Amino acid sequence: MQYFVKRGEQRFGPYSLSDLQRYVQSGNIANDDLTQSEGMNDWVPVSQVLGNIPAMAVTSGGAAVAPASERELVPLPPNWHWAIILVLGIVTRQLFNLAWALIQANWARKLIGDNKPMVLVAMYPAGMVAGLLIVALFRGEGIAALGGLFIFAGAIVYIVGMFSIKNAMEEYYTSVENVGLRLSGVMTFFFSTVYIQYHINKIARWKKTGVLT
C-alpha cells in the first residue's frame, strides 16, 4: 500500500510503509504530519498509521538493524552547491578540490567510524609535497625521477580515497539513514569531489523535504 504525506500545503509521496518508518526515524517526517493511503478517505496523523511500535531500518541485504533513533546520526558536511566547488576547483587549479576532499574524507570517517578515507586522501598532498621537494633538491640527478613517482603514487592513493568516501556514503545511507543511495564509480573517478558534493546536495534536500530527487 502506498501513502502520501501532507505538510501544510506541500504533498509528498507516494511512500511504502517501510519508507514512512525510515523517514520518521531520520526526522524527515514528523509523527504529527498527515498521511493518506490510496484506500483512505481522510488525512490522519502519521502516528495513527505507524502506531507506537519502533520501526526497524532494513539494510540492502535484508538484515534488520537498530532504529535510527537509537543510533547517532552524522550531520552533513558544508552543503555548498556542487557548481561552486567546480568553479573554485578550476580557478585554483584543483587546489581547492584537494582541500574540499579532505573535508569530505573527514565526514566519511565519521559515517563509518574508520579513518581509512581520511588517511588515503591525505596521502596525496603528502606525496605531492615529498615529490616536489625531491625534484627541487635533486634537480638534474637521477634521484629526481623518484619525486615524480611520489606524486604519481599519491594521485593513485587519492583516487582510492575518493572511492572509500563513496563506499562510506553508500554504507551509511543504505543502513542508518536508508535512502538506497548508490553512486556511480565512473563519475566518482572522473569528477571526485564535485560528484560527491552533488549527492551531498541531494541528501540535504531529502533531509528538508523527505524526497530524494
Protein backbone atom coordinates (compact mmCIF):
# COMPACT_ATOMS: atom_id res chain seq x y z
CA MET A 1 0.00 0.00 0.00
CA GLN A 2 1.27 3.48 -0.88
CA TYR A 3 0.99 6.53 1.36
CA PHE A 4 1.10 10.26 0.67
CA VAL A 5 2.27 12.78 3.26
CA LYS A 6 0.98 16.34 3.63
CA ARG A 7 2.75 19.13 5.49
CA GLY A 8 0.92 22.42 5.24
CA GLU A 9 0.23 22.94 1.54
CA GLN A 10 3.02 20.60 0.44
CA ARG A 11 2.33 16.99 -0.52
CA PHE A 12 4.98 14.26 -0.80
CA GLY A 13 4.99 10.64 -1.89
CA PRO A 14 3.88 8.07 -2.58
CA TYR A 15 5.80 6.07 0.05
CA SER A 16 5.60 2.48 1.19
CA LEU A 17 5.00 1.76 4.87
CA SER A 18 8.70 0.98 5.35
CA ASP A 19 9.54 4.33 3.71
CA LEU A 20 7.35 6.11 6.27
CA GLN A 21 9.12 4.27 9.08
CA ARG A 22 12.56 5.25 7.81
CA TYR A 23 11.65 8.89 7.29
CA VAL A 24 10.13 9.15 10.78
CA GLN A 25 13.31 7.60 12.22
CA SER A 26 15.54 10.11 10.45
CA GLY A 27 13.29 13.06 11.38
CA ASN A 28 12.28 13.92 7.82
CA ILE A 29 8.65 13.10 8.58
CA ALA A 30 7.08 14.00 11.92
CA ASN A 31 4.55 11.85 13.72
CA ASP A 32 2.04 14.70 13.57
CA ASP A 33 2.40 15.14 9.78
CA LEU A 34 -0.70 13.98 7.93
CA THR A 35 -0.81 10.90 5.74
CA GLN A 36 -3.34 9.24 3.48
CA SER A 37 -3.24 5.92 1.66
CA GLU A 38 -4.98 5.13 -1.60
CA GLY A 39 -7.86 3.50 0.28
CA MET A 40 -8.37 6.21 2.92
CA ASN A 41 -10.91 9.00 2.66
CA ASP A 42 -9.34 11.33 5.24
CA TRP A 43 -5.86 12.51 6.16
CA VAL A 44 -4.67 11.18 9.50
CA PRO A 45 -1.53 11.73 11.61
CA VAL A 46 1.40 9.52 10.67
CA SER A 47 1.46 8.20 14.23
CA GLN A 48 -2.02 6.75 13.68
CA VAL A 49 -0.66 4.62 10.84
CA LEU A 50 2.67 3.61 12.41
CA GLY A 51 1.45 3.28 15.98
CA ASN A 52 3.96 3.13 18.82
CA ILE A 53 5.95 0.17 17.53
CA PRO A 54 9.61 1.20 16.94
CA ALA A 55 10.43 0.79 13.27
CA MET A 56 13.50 -1.17 12.24
CA ALA A 57 15.65 0.06 9.37
CA VAL A 58 16.49 -2.60 6.79
CA THR A 59 19.82 -2.83 5.01
CA SER A 60 20.13 -3.55 1.31
CA GLY A 61 20.91 -7.17 2.26
CA GLY A 62 17.64 -7.52 4.14
CA ALA A 63 19.15 -7.56 7.64
CA ALA A 64 17.43 -5.56 10.37
CA VAL A 65 19.49 -3.00 12.27
CA ALA A 66 18.80 -0.84 15.30
CA PRO A 67 16.29 2.00 14.86
CA ALA A 68 17.90 5.20 13.65
CA SER A 69 16.52 6.97 16.71
CA GLU A 70 18.83 4.79 18.82
CA ARG A 71 21.90 5.50 16.70
CA GLU A 72 23.83 8.71 16.45
CA LEU A 73 23.17 10.43 13.13
CA VAL A 74 26.09 12.08 11.38
CA PRO A 75 25.46 15.68 10.24
CA LEU A 76 26.29 16.61 6.68
CA PRO A 77 29.47 18.50 5.77
CA PRO A 78 29.14 22.08 4.46
CA ASN A 79 26.35 21.96 1.89
CA TRP A 80 27.96 24.18 -0.74
CA HIS A 81 26.45 23.77 -4.17
CA TRP A 82 28.45 21.42 -6.37
CA ALA A 83 28.80 24.11 -9.07
CA ILE A 84 30.64 26.35 -6.59
CA ILE A 85 33.07 23.52 -5.85
CA LEU A 86 33.59 23.03 -9.59
CA VAL A 87 34.31 26.72 -10.27
CA LEU A 88 36.64 27.12 -7.28
CA GLY A 89 38.50 23.99 -8.33
CA ILE A 90 39.05 25.39 -11.82
CA VAL A 91 40.09 28.84 -10.55
CA THR A 92 42.60 27.39 -8.06
CA ARG A 93 43.86 24.73 -10.47
CA GLN A 94 42.38 21.92 -8.36
CA LEU A 95 43.96 23.06 -5.07
CA PHE A 96 40.53 23.87 -3.66
CA ASN A 97 39.26 20.43 -4.71
CA LEU A 98 42.08 18.84 -2.74
CA ALA A 99 41.19 20.83 0.38
CA TRP A 100 37.50 20.01 -0.07
CA ALA A 101 38.32 16.32 -0.49
CA LEU A 102 39.85 16.41 2.99
CA ILE A 103 36.59 17.84 4.36
CA GLN A 104 34.58 15.13 2.62
CA ALA A 105 37.00 12.44 3.82
CA ASN A 106 36.71 13.63 7.42
CA TRP A 107 32.92 13.40 7.09
CA ALA A 108 33.16 9.89 5.59
CA ARG A 109 35.37 8.89 8.51
CA LYS A 110 32.50 9.75 10.85
CA LEU A 111 29.96 7.89 8.71
CA ILE A 112 31.72 4.53 9.12
CA GLY A 113 33.84 5.10 12.21
CA ASP A 114 37.03 4.38 10.28
CA ASN A 115 39.98 6.66 9.47
CA LYS A 116 40.64 4.99 6.11
CA PRO A 117 39.05 7.71 3.88
CA MET A 118 40.93 10.49 5.68
CA VAL A 119 44.28 8.69 5.61
CA LEU A 120 44.05 7.81 1.92
CA VAL A 121 43.04 11.28 0.76
CA ALA A 122 45.64 12.97 2.98
CA MET A 123 48.40 10.87 1.42
CA TYR A 124 48.02 12.78 -1.86
CA PRO A 125 49.17 16.20 -0.57
CA ALA A 126 51.85 14.43 1.48
CA GLY A 127 53.10 12.61 -1.62
CA MET A 128 52.94 15.78 -3.68
CA VAL A 129 54.99 17.78 -1.17
CA ALA A 130 57.55 14.99 -0.84
CA GLY A 131 57.80 14.63 -4.61
CA LEU A 132 58.26 18.36 -5.24
CA LEU A 133 60.94 18.57 -2.54
CA ILE A 134 62.85 15.68 -4.09
CA VAL A 135 62.63 17.26 -7.54
CA ALA A 136 63.78 20.65 -6.18
CA LEU A 137 66.65 19.26 -4.12
CA PHE A 138 67.96 16.76 -6.64
CA ARG A 139 67.25 18.53 -9.93
CA GLY A 140 69.35 17.14 -12.71
CA GLU A 141 70.24 14.00 -10.79
CA GLY A 142 68.80 10.54 -11.34
CA ILE A 143 67.03 10.55 -7.98
CA ALA A 144 64.78 13.42 -9.16
CA ALA A 145 62.66 10.87 -11.03
CA LEU A 146 61.71 9.48 -7.64
CA GLY A 147 59.88 12.74 -6.95
CA GLY A 148 57.62 12.18 -9.93
CA LEU A 149 56.94 8.67 -8.67
CA PHE A 150 55.87 10.04 -5.29
CA ILE A 151 53.44 12.45 -6.96
CA PHE A 152 52.01 9.73 -9.22
CA ALA A 153 51.60 7.29 -6.33
CA GLY A 154 49.88 10.00 -4.28
CA ALA A 155 47.39 10.59 -7.10
CA ILE A 156 46.56 6.87 -7.25
CA VAL A 157 46.02 6.71 -3.50
CA TYR A 158 43.86 9.85 -3.72
CA ILE A 159 41.52 8.12 -6.19
CA VAL A 160 41.31 5.12 -3.88
CA GLY A 161 40.46 7.54 -1.07
CA MET A 162 37.62 9.09 -3.07
CA PHE A 163 36.19 5.62 -3.66
CA SER A 164 36.40 4.96 0.08
CA ILE A 165 34.27 8.11 0.59
CA LYS A 166 31.82 6.76 -1.99
CA ASN A 167 31.64 3.40 -0.19
CA ALA A 168 31.18 5.07 3.21
CA MET A 169 28.27 7.13 1.88
CA GLU A 170 26.58 4.10 0.33
CA GLU A 171 27.01 2.05 3.51
CA TYR A 172 25.63 4.76 5.80
CA TYR A 173 22.75 5.81 3.53
CA THR A 174 21.54 2.23 3.00
CA SER A 175 21.56 1.38 6.70
CA VAL A 176 21.48 4.15 9.31
CA GLU A 177 19.61 6.67 7.13
CA ASN A 178 18.27 4.41 4.44
CA VAL A 179 17.62 6.22 1.18
CA GLY A 180 19.06 3.48 -1.02
CA LEU A 181 21.96 5.70 -2.07
CA ARG A 182 24.07 4.46 -4.98
CA LEU A 183 26.92 6.40 -6.59
CA SER A 184 28.49 5.82 -9.99
CA GLY A 185 32.07 4.55 -9.97
CA VAL A 186 32.81 6.22 -13.32
CA MET A 187 31.53 9.62 -12.13
CA THR A 188 33.46 9.24 -8.87
CA PHE A 189 36.66 8.56 -10.80
CA PHE A 190 36.37 11.50 -13.20
CA PHE A 191 34.66 14.14 -11.02
CA SER A 192 35.51 13.02 -7.45
CA THR A 193 34.74 15.90 -5.04
CA VAL A 194 32.25 17.62 -7.37
CA TYR A 195 30.24 14.44 -7.91
CA ILE A 196 30.25 13.57 -4.21
CA GLN A 197 29.17 17.13 -3.37
CA TYR A 198 26.31 16.78 -5.86
CA HIS A 199 24.99 13.85 -3.83
CA ILE A 200 25.54 15.73 -0.57
CA ASN A 201 23.29 18.44 -2.01
CA LYS A 202 20.66 15.78 -2.83
CA ILE A 203 20.82 14.33 0.67
CA ALA A 204 20.47 17.81 2.17
CA ARG A 205 17.29 18.36 0.13
CA TRP A 206 15.99 14.97 1.26
CA LYS A 207 16.52 15.95 4.90
CA LYS A 208 14.40 19.05 4.33
CA THR A 209 11.63 17.61 2.15
CA GLY A 210 11.66 13.83 2.70
CA VAL A 211 12.04 13.40 -1.05
CA LEU A 212 15.28 12.24 -2.70
CA THR A 213 15.24 13.80 -6.18
